[in-house]
Amino acid sequence: MESSGLILPKFIKFLSNAETKFDYLDISTAYERITAYWTRRDHITAYLGDRAWKLEVKARKPNRQRKTILEGWIQLREDLGLAVGDVLILECPTNSRHHFSLQVIKQAVA
């Protein structure tokens, strides 16, 4: 299979203790290439197989550069049984910054 060389926009989050306890998920400003398309209060949808989660994203004060996933984060986290050390990868197709395919890499248990 030949590669097109296209790299799809995505963001990656390594889950710490905070993300498994708090009711929100901060997105690093390093991913502004994706989050700049979102309004101050917006919604994205994450898909994994035949499942989907509608997530509210909001710009945080004071400079509103950092975005946070609020509504829907707890449900997604519980549905997927996310834990410290797991990795979330949200990748969006080239024609949308509001729909993401979701991949979860579970932390290996020793």
Protein backbone atom coordinates (compact mmCIF):
# COMPACT_ATOMS: atom_id res chain seq x y z
CA MET A 1 0.00 0.00 0.00
CA GLU A 2 1.36 3.38 -0.97
CA SER A 3 1.36 6.23 1.55
CA SER A 4 0.04 9.63 0.54
CA GLY A 5 2.43 11.31 2.97
CA LEU A 6 -0.54 13.09 4.56
CA ILE A 7 -0.32 13.58 8.30
CA LEU A 8 -3.71 14.05 9.91
CA PRO A 9 -4.09 16.60 12.71
CA LYS A 10 -4.27 14.92 16.10
CA PHE A 11 -3.62 15.44 19.75
CA ILE A 12 -2.17 13.01 22.23
CA LYS A 13 -2.78 12.97 25.97
CA PHE A 14 -0.94 10.83 28.51
CA LEU A 15 -3.32 10.48 31.45
CA SER A 16 -2.02 11.51 34.85
CA ASN A 17 -3.71 11.16 38.20
CA ALA A 18 -5.45 14.52 37.67
CA GLU A 19 -7.18 13.47 34.42
CA THR A 20 -8.52 10.32 36.05
CA LYS A 21 -9.99 12.27 39.01
CA PHE A 22 -11.06 15.72 37.73
CA ASP A 23 -14.20 16.44 35.74
CA TYR A 24 -12.29 18.05 32.87
CA LEU A 25 -9.38 17.36 30.54
CA ASP A 26 -6.95 20.15 29.63
CA ILE A 27 -5.57 20.22 26.11
CA SER A 28 -2.05 21.56 25.72
CA THR A 29 -1.54 24.80 23.80
CA ALA A 30 0.90 22.78 21.68
CA TYR A 31 -2.21 21.56 19.79
CA GLU A 32 -3.44 25.04 18.91
CA ARG A 33 -3.23 24.04 15.23
CA ILE A 34 -6.40 22.04 15.92
CA THR A 35 -8.04 23.90 18.81
CA ALA A 36 -7.81 27.32 17.10
CA TYR A 37 -10.81 26.27 14.98
CA TRP A 38 -13.00 25.91 18.05
CA THR A 39 -15.06 28.80 19.40
CA ARG A 40 -14.89 29.89 23.05
CA ARG A 41 -17.53 27.24 23.79
CA ASP A 42 -17.88 24.50 21.20
CA HIS A 43 -18.55 20.78 20.80
CA ILE A 44 -16.50 17.98 19.30
CA THR A 45 -17.39 14.34 18.79
CA ALA A 46 -15.01 11.46 19.45
CA TYR A 47 -15.62 8.08 17.79
CA LEU A 48 -14.31 4.65 18.72
CA GLY A 49 -15.77 1.79 16.69
CA ASP A 50 -19.55 2.17 16.75
CA ARG A 51 -19.48 4.37 19.86
CA ALA A 52 -19.47 8.17 19.98
CA TRP A 53 -19.13 10.83 22.68
CA LYS A 54 -20.19 14.45 22.29
CA LEU A 55 -17.76 16.59 24.27
CA GLU A 56 -18.04 20.25 25.19
CA VAL A 57 -14.82 22.20 24.79
CA LYS A 58 -14.28 25.60 26.31
CA ALA A 59 -11.52 28.21 26.20
CA ARG A 60 -9.93 28.85 29.59
CA LYS A 61 -9.16 32.25 31.00
CA PRO A 62 -7.12 34.47 31.09
CA ASN A 63 -5.81 34.36 27.49
CA ARG A 64 -8.28 31.76 26.19
CA GLN A 65 -5.50 29.92 24.33
CA ARG A 66 -5.79 26.72 26.38
CA LYS A 67 -8.85 24.60 25.68
CA THR A 68 -10.50 22.20 28.11
CA ILE A 69 -12.87 19.29 27.51
CA LEU A 70 -15.71 19.62 30.02
CA GLU A 71 -19.10 18.02 29.49
CA GLY A 72 -18.79 14.43 28.36
CA TRP A 73 -15.28 13.84 29.71
CA ILE A 74 -16.41 11.86 32.77
CA GLN A 75 -18.70 9.65 30.66
CA LEU A 76 -15.96 8.95 28.10
CA ARG A 77 -13.43 8.22 30.86
CA GLU A 78 -15.80 5.82 32.63
CA ASP A 79 -17.03 4.12 29.44
CA LEU A 80 -13.46 3.35 28.40
CA GLY A 81 -12.17 2.52 31.89
CA LEU A 82 -9.33 5.01 31.53
CA ALA A 83 -6.58 4.94 34.15
CA VAL A 84 -3.30 6.66 34.99
CA GLY A 85 -0.74 5.92 32.28
CA ASP A 86 -3.25 5.33 29.50
CA VAL A 87 -2.75 7.32 26.31
CA LEU A 88 -5.55 9.00 24.33
CA ILE A 89 -5.04 9.83 20.69
CA LEU A 90 -7.68 11.95 18.98
CA GLU A 91 -7.18 12.27 15.25
CA CYS A 92 -9.35 14.35 12.94
CA PRO A 93 -9.93 13.90 9.23
CA THR A 94 -8.71 16.61 6.88
CA ASN A 95 -12.17 18.09 6.34
CA SER A 96 -13.19 18.54 9.99
CA ARG A 97 -11.82 19.84 13.28
CA HIS A 98 -14.93 18.78 15.20
CA HIS A 99 -14.96 15.02 14.59
CA PHE A 100 -12.19 12.80 15.91
CA SER A 101 -11.38 9.13 15.74
CA LEU A 102 -10.29 7.98 19.17
CA GLN A 103 -7.57 5.51 19.99
CA VAL A 104 -6.72 4.34 23.50
CA ILE A 105 -3.42 2.75 24.40
CA LYS A 106 -3.80 1.11 27.78
CA GLN A 107 -0.94 1.23 30.27
CA ALA A 108 0.74 -2.16 30.46
CA VAL A 109 0.16 -3.85 33.81
CA ALA A 110 3.34 -5.34 35.28
